[in-house]
PDB file of N, CA and C in Angstrom:
ATOM      1  N   ASN A   1      89.320  96.491  93.867  1.00  0.00           N
ATOM      2  CA  ASN A   1      89.443  96.872  95.264  1.00  0.00           C
ATOM      3  C   ASN A   1      89.221  95.629  96.136  1.00  0.00           C
ATOM      4  N   PRO A   2      90.229  95.190  96.873  1.00  0.00           N
ATOM      5  CA  PRO A   2      90.086  93.973  97.681  1.00  0.00           C
ATOM      6  C   PRO A   2      89.181  94.144  98.903  1.00  0.00           C
ATOM      7  N   ASP A   3      88.738  95.373  99.176  1.00  0.00           N
ATOM      8  CA  ASP A   3      87.865  95.605 100.330  1.00  0.00           C
ATOM      9  C   ASP A   3      86.411  95.863  99.943  1.00  0.00           C
ATOM     10  N   THR A   4      86.052  95.618  98.682  1.00  0.00           N
ATOM     11  CA  THR A   4      84.665  95.759  98.247  1.00  0.00           C
ATOM     12  C   THR A   4      83.801  94.817  99.076  1.00  0.00           C
ATOM     13  N   ARG A   5      82.607  95.290  99.462  1.00  0.00           N
ATOM     14  CA  ARG A   5      81.741  94.462 100.306  1.00  0.00           C
ATOM     15  C   ARG A   5      80.382  94.230  99.655  1.00  0.00           C
ATOM     16  N   ASP A   6      79.741  93.136 100.057  1.00  0.00           N
ATOM     17  CA  ASP A   6      78.380  92.879  99.598  1.00  0.00           C
ATOM     18  C   ASP A   6      77.395  93.567 100.545  1.00  0.00           C
ATOM     19  N   THR A   7      76.107  93.324 100.379  1.00  0.00           N
ATOM     20  CA  THR A   7      75.099  94.010 101.192  1.00  0.00           C
ATOM     21  C   THR A   7      75.140  93.618 102.665  1.00  0.00           C
ATOM     22  N   ALA A   8      75.757  92.512 102.995  1.00  0.00           N
ATOM     23  CA  ALA A   8      75.906  92.089 104.393  1.00  0.00           C
ATOM     24  C   ALA A   8      77.223  92.575 104.991  1.00  0.00           C
ATOM     25  N   GLY A   9      77.971  93.359 104.218  1.00  0.00           N
ATOM     26  CA  GLY A   9      79.246  93.863 104.710  1.00  0.00           C
ATOM     27  C   GLY A   9      80.376  92.865 104.587  1.00  0.00           C
ATOM     28  N   THR A  10      80.138  91.776 103.883  1.00  0.00           N
ATOM     29  CA  THR A  10      81.143  90.727 103.741  1.00  0.00           C
ATOM     30  C   THR A  10      82.137  91.096 102.646  1.00  0.00           C
ATOM     31  N   SER A  11      83.401  91.058 102.996  1.00  0.00           N
ATOM     32  CA  SER A  11      84.466  91.373 102.039  1.00  0.00           C
ATOM     33  C   SER A  11      85.008  90.077 101.425  1.00  0.00           C
ATOM     34  N   PRO A  12      85.766  90.188 100.337  1.00  0.00           N
ATOM     35  CA  PRO A  12      86.420  88.993  99.792  1.00  0.00           C
ATOM     36  C   PRO A  12      87.304  88.302 100.841  1.00  0.00           C
ATOM     37  N   LEU A  13      87.934  89.097 101.706  1.00  0.00           N
ATOM     38  CA  LEU A  13      88.776  88.513 102.756  1.00  0.00           C
ATOM     39  C   LEU A  13      87.930  87.685 103.716  1.00  0.00           C
ATOM     40  N   HIS A  14      86.762  88.205 104.114  1.00  0.00           N
ATOM     41  CA  HIS A  14      85.864  87.427 104.975  1.00  0.00           C
ATOM     42  C   HIS A  14      85.487  86.096 104.315  1.00  0.00           C
ATOM     43  N   MET A  15      85.178  86.149 103.012  1.00  0.00           N
ATOM     44  CA  MET A  15      84.777  84.930 102.301  1.00  0.00           C
ATOM     45  C   MET A  15      85.917  83.915 102.243  1.00  0.00           C
ATOM     46  N   ALA A  16      87.110  84.371 101.895  1.00  0.00           N
ATOM     47  CA  ALA A  16      88.266  83.468 101.823  1.00  0.00           C
ATOM     48  C   ALA A  16      88.555  82.855 103.186  1.00  0.00           C
ATOM     49  N   VAL A  17      88.434  83.665 104.234  1.00  0.00           N
ATOM     50  CA  VAL A  17      88.665  83.182 105.598  1.00  0.00           C
ATOM     51  C   VAL A  17      87.625  82.124 105.957  1.00  0.00           C
ATOM     52  N   SER A  18      86.361  82.393 105.668  1.00  0.00           N
ATOM     53  CA  SER A  18      85.307  81.445 106.047  1.00  0.00           C
ATOM     54  C   SER A  18      85.473  80.097 105.357  1.00  0.00           C
ATOM     55  N   LEU A  19      86.092  80.110 104.175  1.00  0.00           N
ATOM     56  CA  LEU A  19      86.350  78.869 103.445  1.00  0.00           C
ATOM     57  C   LEU A  19      87.670  78.211 103.835  1.00  0.00           C
ATOM     58  N   GLY A  20      88.448  78.876 104.684  1.00  0.00           N
ATOM     59  CA  GLY A  20      89.729  78.319 105.119  1.00  0.00           C
ATOM     60  C   GLY A  20      90.794  78.330 104.043  1.00  0.00           C
ATOM     61  N   GLN A  21      90.690  79.218 103.086  1.00  0.00           N
ATOM     62  CA  GLN A  21      91.610  79.290 101.955  1.00  0.00           C
ATOM     63  C   GLN A  21      92.817  80.167 102.294  1.00  0.00           C
ATOM     64  N   ALA A  22      93.788  79.610 103.004  1.00  0.00           N
ATOM     65  CA  ALA A  22      94.946  80.367 103.485  1.00  0.00           C
ATOM     66  C   ALA A  22      95.724  81.039 102.357  1.00  0.00           C
ATOM     67  N   SER A  23      95.888  80.368 101.226  1.00  0.00           N
ATOM     68  CA  SER A  23      96.647  80.971 100.125  1.00  0.00           C
ATOM     69  C   SER A  23      95.898  82.156  99.521  1.00  0.00           C
ATOM     70  N   LEU A  24      94.585  82.068  99.426  1.00  0.00           N
ATOM     71  CA  LEU A  24      93.782  83.183  98.926  1.00  0.00           C
ATOM     72  C   LEU A  24      93.773  84.330  99.929  1.00  0.00           C
ATOM     73  N   VAL A  25      93.690  84.008 101.213  1.00  0.00           N
ATOM     74  CA  VAL A  25      93.772  85.038 102.259  1.00  0.00           C
ATOM     75  C   VAL A  25      95.081  85.795 102.120  1.00  0.00           C
ATOM     76  N   GLN A  26      96.180  85.077 101.965  1.00  0.00           N
ATOM     77  CA  GLN A  26      97.486  85.726 101.833  1.00  0.00           C
ATOM     78  C   GLN A  26      97.545  86.583 100.571  1.00  0.00           C
ATOM     79  N   ALA A  27      96.988  86.092  99.472  1.00  0.00           N
ATOM     80  CA  ALA A  27      96.978  86.866  98.221  1.00  0.00           C
ATOM     81  C   ALA A  27      96.176  88.155  98.383  1.00  0.00           C
ATOM     82  N   LEU A  28      95.043  88.083  99.060  1.00  0.00           N
ATOM     83  CA  LEU A  28      94.240  89.286  99.294  1.00  0.00           C
ATOM     84  C   LEU A  28      94.974  90.276 100.193  1.00  0.00           C
ATOM     85  N   LEU A  29      95.626  89.767 101.233  1.00  0.00           N
ATOM     86  CA  LEU A  29      96.405  90.643 102.117  1.00  0.00           C
ATOM     87  C   LEU A  29      97.552  91.289 101.345  1.00  0.00           C
ATOM     88  N   ASP A  30      98.223  90.515 100.506  1.00  0.00           N
ATOM     89  CA  ASP A  30      99.316  91.046  99.683  1.00  0.00           C
ATOM     90  C   ASP A  30      98.814  92.110  98.708  1.00  0.00           C
ATOM     91  N   ALA A  31      97.543  91.991  98.286  1.00  0.00           N
ATOM     92  CA  ALA A  31      96.946  92.949  97.351  1.00  0.00           C
ATOM     93  C   ALA A  31      96.403  94.189  98.058  1.00  0.00           C
ATOM     94  N   GLY A  32      96.559  94.216  99.392  1.00  0.00           N
ATOM     95  CA  GLY A  32      96.153  95.403 100.140  1.00  0.00           C
ATOM     96  C   GLY A  32      94.840  95.300 100.874  1.00  0.00           C
ATOM     97  N   ALA A  33      94.264  94.102 100.968  1.00  0.00           N
ATOM     98  CA  ALA A  33      93.025  93.948 101.731  1.00  0.00           C
ATOM     99  C   ALA A  33      93.276  94.352 103.180  1.00  0.00           C
ATOM    100  N   GLU A  34      92.316  95.051 103.751  1.00  0.00           N
ATOM    101  CA  GLU A  34      92.426  95.539 105.125  1.00  0.00           C
ATOM    102  C   GLU A  34      92.041  94.414 106.093  1.00  0.00           C
ATOM    103  N   PRO A  35      92.970  93.949 106.938  1.00  0.00           N
ATOM    104  CA  PRO A  35      92.663  92.826 107.830  1.00  0.00           C
ATOM    105  C   PRO A  35      91.681  93.173 108.947  1.00  0.00           C
ATOM    106  N   THR A  36      91.469  94.468 109.210  1.00  0.00           N
ATOM    107  CA  THR A  36      90.559  94.864 110.286  1.00  0.00           C
ATOM    108  C   THR A  36      89.166  95.224 109.778  1.00  0.00           C
ATOM    109  N   VAL A  37      88.877  94.968 108.498  1.00  0.00           N
ATOM    110  CA  VAL A  37      87.562  95.277 107.932  1.00  0.00           C
ATOM    111  C   VAL A  37      86.491  94.492 108.692  1.00  0.00           C
ATOM    112  N   CYS A  38      85.362  95.143 108.980  1.00  0.00           N
ATOM    113  CA  CYS A  38      84.288  94.498 109.746  1.00  0.00           C
ATOM    114  C   CYS A  38      83.053  94.292 108.882  1.00  0.00           C
ATOM    115  N   ASP A  39      82.333  93.206 109.166  1.00  0.00           N
ATOM    116  CA  ASP A  39      81.065  92.961 108.490  1.00  0.00           C
ATOM    117  C   ASP A  39      79.942  93.637 109.280  1.00  0.00           C
ATOM    118  N   GLN A  40      78.682  93.369 108.957  1.00  0.00           N
ATOM    119  CA  GLN A  40      77.559  94.017 109.639  1.00  0.00           C
ATOM    120  C   GLN A  40      77.469  93.658 111.115  1.00  0.00           C
ATOM    121  N   ARG A  41      78.033  92.531 111.494  1.00  0.00           N
ATOM    122  CA  ARG A  41      78.038  92.134 112.910  1.00  0.00           C
ATOM    123  C   ARG A  41      79.292  92.629 113.616  1.00  0.00           C
ATOM    124  N   GLN A  42      80.035  93.505 112.938  1.00  0.00           N
ATOM    125  CA  GLN A  42      81.280  94.075 113.445  1.00  0.00           C
ATOM    126  C   GLN A  42      82.356  93.018 113.682  1.00  0.00           C
ATOM    127  N   ARG A  43      82.284  91.936 112.941  1.00  0.00           N
ATOM    128  CA  ARG A  43      83.294  90.877 113.046  1.00  0.00           C
ATOM    129  C   ARG A  43      84.380  91.088 112.012  1.00  0.00           C
ATOM    130  N   THR A  44      85.608  90.940 112.461  1.00  0.00           N
ATOM    131  CA  THR A  44      86.751  91.007 111.560  1.00  0.00           C
ATOM    132  C   THR A  44      86.961  89.621 110.937  1.00  0.00           C
ATOM    133  N   PRO A  45      87.784  89.533 109.921  1.00  0.00           N
ATOM    134  CA  PRO A  45      88.114  88.214 109.379  1.00  0.00           C
ATOM    135  C   PRO A  45      88.718  87.287 110.447  1.00  0.00           C
ATOM    136  N   LEU A  46      89.426  87.856 111.416  1.00  0.00           N
ATOM    137  CA  LEU A  46      90.006  87.014 112.471  1.00  0.00           C
ATOM    138  C   LEU A  46      88.914  86.379 113.324  1.00  0.00           C
ATOM    139  N   HIS A  47      87.845  87.106 113.625  1.00  0.00           N
ATOM    140  CA  HIS A  47      86.721  86.506 114.353  1.00  0.00           C
ATOM    141  C   HIS A  47      86.232  85.259 113.606  1.00  0.00           C
ATOM    142  N   THR A  48      86.065  85.412 112.300  1.00  0.00           N
ATOM    143  CA  THR A  48      85.570  84.309 111.471  1.00  0.00           C
ATOM    144  C   THR A  48      86.542  83.133 111.473  1.00  0.00           C
ATOM    145  N   ALA A  49      87.827  83.416 111.327  1.00  0.00           N
ATOM    146  CA  ALA A  49      88.843  82.356 111.283  1.00  0.00           C
ATOM    147  C   ALA A  49      88.911  81.589 112.593  1.00  0.00           C
ATOM    148  N   VAL A  50      88.872  82.314 113.703  1.00  0.00           N
ATOM    149  CA  VAL A  50      88.938  81.661 115.019  1.00  0.00           C
ATOM    150  C   VAL A  50      87.706  80.794 115.231  1.00  0.00           C
ATOM    151  N   GLU A  51      86.549  81.350 114.936  1.00  0.00           N
ATOM    152  CA  GLU A  51      85.307  80.602 115.139  1.00  0.00           C
ATOM    153  C   GLU A  51      85.266  79.327 114.291  1.00  0.00           C
ATOM    154  N   ALA A  52      85.823  79.393 113.083  1.00  0.00           N
ATOM    155  CA  ALA A  52      85.827  78.231 112.188  1.00  0.00           C
ATOM    156  C   ALA A  52      86.984  77.273 112.455  1.00  0.00           C
ATOM    157  N   GLY A  53      87.952  77.688 113.272  1.00  0.00           N
ATOM    158  CA  GLY A  53      89.084  76.820 113.583  1.00  0.00           C
ATOM    159  C   GLY A  53      90.118  76.717 112.482  1.00  0.00           C
ATOM    160  N   HIS A  54      90.207  77.723 111.628  1.00  0.00           N
ATOM    161  CA  HIS A  54      91.178  77.732 110.526  1.00  0.00           C
ATOM    162  C   HIS A  54      92.512  78.302 111.025  1.00  0.00           C
ATOM    163  N   THR A  55      93.333  77.457 111.633  1.00  0.00           N
ATOM    164  CA  THR A  55      94.554  77.924 112.298  1.00  0.00           C
ATOM    165  C   THR A  55      95.574  78.558 111.352  1.00  0.00           C
ATOM    166  N   ASP A  56      95.713  78.048 110.138  1.00  0.00           N
ATOM    167  CA  ASP A  56      96.652  78.660 109.186  1.00  0.00           C
ATOM    168  C   ASP A  56      96.226  80.081 108.844  1.00  0.00           C
ATOM    169  N   VAL A  57      94.933  80.273 108.698  1.00  0.00           N
ATOM    170  CA  VAL A  57      94.394  81.597 108.396  1.00  0.00           C
ATOM    171  C   VAL A  57      94.567  82.513 109.606  1.00  0.00           C
ATOM    172  N   VAL A  58      94.315  81.990 110.803  1.00  0.00           N
ATOM    173  CA  VAL A  58      94.509  82.780 112.026  1.00  0.00           C
ATOM    174  C   VAL A  58      95.944  83.291 112.085  1.00  0.00           C
ATOM    175  N   ARG A  59      96.902  82.419 111.832  1.00  0.00           N
ATOM    176  CA  ARG A  59      98.317  82.827 111.874  1.00  0.00           C
ATOM    177  C   ARG A  59      98.613  83.951 110.886  1.00  0.00           C
ATOM    178  N   ALA A  60      98.117  83.821 109.665  1.00  0.00           N
ATOM    179  CA  ALA A  60      98.360  84.841 108.634  1.00  0.00           C
ATOM    180  C   ALA A  60      97.755  86.180 109.032  1.00  0.00           C
ATOM    181  N   LEU A  61      96.551  86.159 109.579  1.00  0.00           N
ATOM    182  CA  LEU A  61      95.888  87.404 109.968  1.00  0.00           C
ATOM    183  C   LEU A  61      96.569  88.064 111.161  1.00  0.00           C
ATOM    184  N   VAL A  62      96.945  87.273 112.157  1.00  0.00           N
ATOM    185  CA  VAL A  62      97.616  87.833 113.337  1.00  0.00           C
ATOM    186  C   VAL A  62      98.969  88.413 112.953  1.00  0.00           C
ATOM    187  N   LYS A  63      99.667  87.756 112.037  1.00  0.00           N
ATOM    188  CA  LYS A  63     100.966  88.257 111.581  1.00  0.00           C
ATOM    189  C   LYS A  63     100.827  89.649 110.970  1.00  0.00           C
ATOM    190  N   ILE A  64      99.772  89.874 110.218  1.00  0.00           N
ATOM    191  CA  ILE A  64      99.547  91.165 109.555  1.00  0.00           C
ATOM    192  C   ILE A  64      98.853  92.167 110.479  1.00  0.00           C
ATOM    193  N   GLY A  65      97.806  91.726 111.185  1.00  0.00           N
ATOM    194  CA  GLY A  65      96.959  92.649 111.948  1.00  0.00           C
ATOM    195  C   GLY A  65      97.302  92.804 113.407  1.00  0.00           C
ATOM    196  N   GLY A  66      98.003  91.832 113.962  1.00  0.00           N
ATOM    197  CA  GLY A  66      98.489  91.889 115.337  1.00  0.00           C
ATOM    198  C   GLY A  66      97.488  92.315 116.395  1.00  0.00           C
ATOM    199  N   ASP A  67      97.931  93.236 117.250  1.00  0.00           N
ATOM    200  CA  ASP A  67      97.155  93.648 118.415  1.00  0.00           C
ATOM    201  C   ASP A  67      95.794  94.235 118.063  1.00  0.00           C
ATOM    202  N   ALA A  68      95.709  94.981 116.965  1.00  0.00           N
ATOM    203  CA  ALA A  68      94.430  95.591 116.585  1.00  0.00           C
ATOM    204  C   ALA A  68      93.367  94.521 116.352  1.00  0.00           C
ATOM    205  N   LEU A  69      93.741  93.435 115.707  1.00  0.00           N
ATOM    206  CA  LEU A  69      92.784  92.352 115.473  1.00  0.00           C
ATOM    207  C   LEU A  69      92.467  91.595 116.753  1.00  0.00           C
ATOM    208  N   MET A  70      93.459  91.385 117.577  1.00  0.00           N
ATOM    209  CA  MET A  70      93.243  90.646 118.824  1.00  0.00           C
ATOM    210  C   MET A  70      92.303  91.401 119.765  1.00  0.00           C
ATOM    211  N   ALA A  71      92.347  92.728 119.723  1.00  0.00           N
ATOM    212  CA  ALA A  71      91.542  93.550 120.626  1.00  0.00           C
ATOM    213  C   ALA A  71      90.168  93.899 120.068  1.00  0.00           C
ATOM    214  N   ALA A  72      89.943  93.679 118.788  1.00  0.00           N
ATOM    215  CA  ALA A  72      88.679  94.073 118.159  1.00  0.00           C
ATOM    216  C   ALA A  72      87.504  93.305 118.760  1.00  0.00           C
ATOM    217  N   THR A  73      86.419  94.036 119.011  1.00  0.00           N
ATOM    218  CA  THR A  73      85.205  93.408 119.528  1.00  0.00           C
ATOM    219  C   THR A  73      84.117  93.454 118.463  1.00  0.00           C
ATOM    220  N   ASP A  74      83.283  92.426 118.464  1.00  0.00           N
ATOM    221  CA  ASP A  74      82.167  92.402 117.520  1.00  0.00           C
ATOM    222  C   ASP A  74      80.958  93.097 118.146  1.00  0.00           C
ATOM    223  N   ALA A  75      79.814  93.053 117.478  1.00  0.00           N
ATOM    224  CA  ALA A  75      78.617  93.741 117.954  1.00  0.00           C
ATOM    225  C   ALA A  75      78.136  93.217 119.305  1.00  0.00           C
ATOM    226  N   ALA A  76      78.488  91.981 119.637  1.00  0.00           N
ATOM    227  CA  ALA A  76      78.108  91.394 120.922  1.00  0.00           C
ATOM    228  C   ALA A  76      79.149  91.658 122.004  1.00  0.00           C
ATOM    229  N   GLY A  77      80.224  92.363 121.644  1.00  0.00           N
ATOM    230  CA  GLY A  77      81.279  92.666 122.601  1.00  0.00           C
ATOM    231  C   GLY A  77      82.316  91.574 122.751  1.00  0.00           C
ATOM    232  N   CYS A  78      82.322  90.612 121.840  1.00  0.00           N
ATOM    233  CA  CYS A  78      83.258  89.488 121.920  1.00  0.00           C
ATOM    234  C   CYS A  78      84.552  89.767 121.162  1.00  0.00           C
ATOM    235  N   THR A  79      85.660  89.472 121.801  1.00  0.00           N
ATOM    236  CA  THR A  79      86.953  89.483 121.123  1.00  0.00           C
ATOM    237  C   THR A  79      87.193  88.081 120.571  1.00  0.00           C
ATOM    238  N   VAL A  80      88.277  87.917 119.835  1.00  0.00           N
ATOM    239  CA  VAL A  80      88.584  86.579 119.324  1.00  0.00           C
ATOM    240  C   VAL A  80      88.885  85.610 120.461  1.00  0.00           C
ATOM    241  N   ALA A  81      89.391  86.114 121.571  1.00  0.00           N
ATOM    242  CA  ALA A  81      89.655  85.244 122.722  1.00  0.00           C
ATOM    243  C   ALA A  81      88.357  84.646 123.252  1.00  0.00           C
ATOM    244  N   HIS A  82      87.277  85.411 123.231  1.00  0.00           N
ATOM    245  CA  HIS A  82      85.977  84.881 123.659  1.00  0.00           C
ATOM    246  C   HIS A  82      85.534  83.732 122.758  1.00  0.00           C
ATOM    247  N   LEU A  83      85.776  83.883 121.474  1.00  0.00           N
ATOM    248  CA  LEU A  83      85.337  82.869 120.514  1.00  0.00           C
ATOM    249  C   LEU A  83      86.207  81.621 120.542  1.00  0.00           C
ATOM    250  N   ALA A  84      87.447  81.764 120.969  1.00  0.00           N
ATOM    251  CA  ALA A  84      88.381  80.636 120.985  1.00  0.00           C
ATOM    252  C   ALA A  84      88.084  79.650 122.108  1.00  0.00           C
ATOM    253  N   CYS A  85      87.338  80.073 123.092  1.00  0.00           N
ATOM    254  CA  CYS A  85      87.061  79.212 124.256  1.00  0.00           C
ATOM    255  C   CYS A  85      85.973  78.206 123.987  1.00  0.00           C
TER     256      CYS A  85
END
């Protein structure tokens, strides 16, 4: 299951994104990983990618998740646009 999470709510997709591994991110998405999955801080993988500056990963996630990911807010009420500034 590509959406299995650890005790912090971190999914394999979150981990691949945090490492900037665009090819692994794409493989997980192709295997059915949910791009809108949230961790304990209610952050999606896109929040993580934007904050880390992984532009290739951001592109892959936006292509799959689109508006839902762009509009998602974390526990602090931040969208990815807030983090990009």
